[in-house]
């Protein structure tokens, strides 16, 4: 009975689920009943259903089933009301006891993996999910969770394998459709994402996750009216839900639509004040826009609600560490630097940066509307957390638009420092990103902003780069437009990223030499207005993306 009710809740048919569960006193029924009540906005009643499950897990004679239900009850309750840290720790302890009780039960590592992934703990979450899959290879929930984990790391091949597995288990798999739609959305294939969601909603027109993704597809098309309409439809069916606003806000933040994303995330927070995820996402967004005080507040609130969220913890550590940084101002820049030896670099920057600003802004015919913050970070760990919220990134500088973070050039332990480099040349490249992102309202394709950043560098193309391009052309290894972005974001070989930089610059040369030196400026305007790549090319040069790539190779 509870399995049928669980399916009904997943499909948004909460009232039917409650009717089916009427009179059921099994603990598993209480868990599903709480989900149905929460979906209907009856939060107090949902919490009342969850309390006894936690109490049963805490009793001396509790068994594995009680521990697993208690841990799930805590996780659900943590979205509905604030919980102290010891309650979260207790839930993890219950799952540990359940694992000790039966190491062959695949449900335990599945629950552990989902709990850890919700706290951005990939290092422990993914292995737990993989263990669950090894114990039960036909468990759809595990494939779905692993697919979601892959998408968080932009591992689209692994996500595709998860989708295929789900469809093998059931050709009309709801999990498969949801995962496929989200994958298409992140790949910026909005038409395929929309068709997948449309087919799913035709079968299950009340499914909350599908309705939320439907609004996210409209957001990726920059269609504000459609977003509001689709969120209103979700509200009509499930009043007061935060899922739609949170899903849209997360996607918009990923695409640097900062103001719009902030509004969506604050709506989600207002509707579910105890849910830590939107607050953590908001904190990361505010970090990327240089609003340190606001970011500190949001991350502190997220950590108070969920003290085990690793991403928020890293963000707070970074802000605390940078709280005493010195600020050096110039007309167009705000330099933040750790007091001490790093100031030697910072104090020599303003005059050179202002000259660079004049050159780059003239090149693109645009100036950002506010000062650009440049943060000089002492080592690689600081830099990685500053840009991604987690350590593990391998470059010396990056721009989020309003903020450019850069490691201080320094020799030393290669695990901490990348060595010496031409800091002005690096900042020239990153500032080109800041300018072109500002000029297009952050809608410029990744390859083009990278290509334009390379174009303002003062060093000529090297012989090795020429040979790399020639070899890629000769062996048909140049990236088509739908793939080149991911060569930057998730390269499959050490050669991918440098080839993508070089090819992007080459494509700009092709555009300017074949049409005019103003064609790229017109392209940037089309992107600002919301055109996708194909539409922008057709509006400026009269051919679409595929024909552009064919003509580029011939050129």
Foldseek 3Di string as FASTA:
>chain_A
DLVVLLVCLQLQNLVVSVVVLVPPPDLSSLQSNLSSCVQQVNNVVSLVSLVVLLVLLPDPPHALVSLQSNLSSLVVVLQADFDFAVSNVSNVVSLVVSCVRPVLQLVSLLSVLVVCVLLVNCVSNLVSLVSSCVSPVLDLSSLLSNLVVCVVQPNLVSNVVSLVSQCVSPVLRPSSLLSVLVSCVVLVVLVVSQVSLVVVCVVRVNRLSSLLSNLLSCVSLVNVVSNVVSVVVNCVSRPLALSNLQSNLLSCLVLLLLVSSLVSLVSSCVSRVSRLVSLLSNLLSCLQQPVLVSSLVSLVSSCRRPVSRQLSVLSNVLSVVQVPWDWDDDPAEIETERPDPLVVVVVPPRVLVVVLQVVLCVLQVFDAPHHAYEYEDAWQQSQQCSNPSGGDDDDAWAHSQSYIYGYRADDDDVVTHPHHDDVSLVVSLRVLLNGLCRLQVSQDQPLQSLLVSVVPRPDDDDPVLVVLQVVCLVVVNQDQPSCLSCLCSPNPDPSSNSNSSSVSVLLLVVVCVVPHPCLVSQLSNVRSVSDDQQVSCCVRVNGGRVVSVVVSSVD
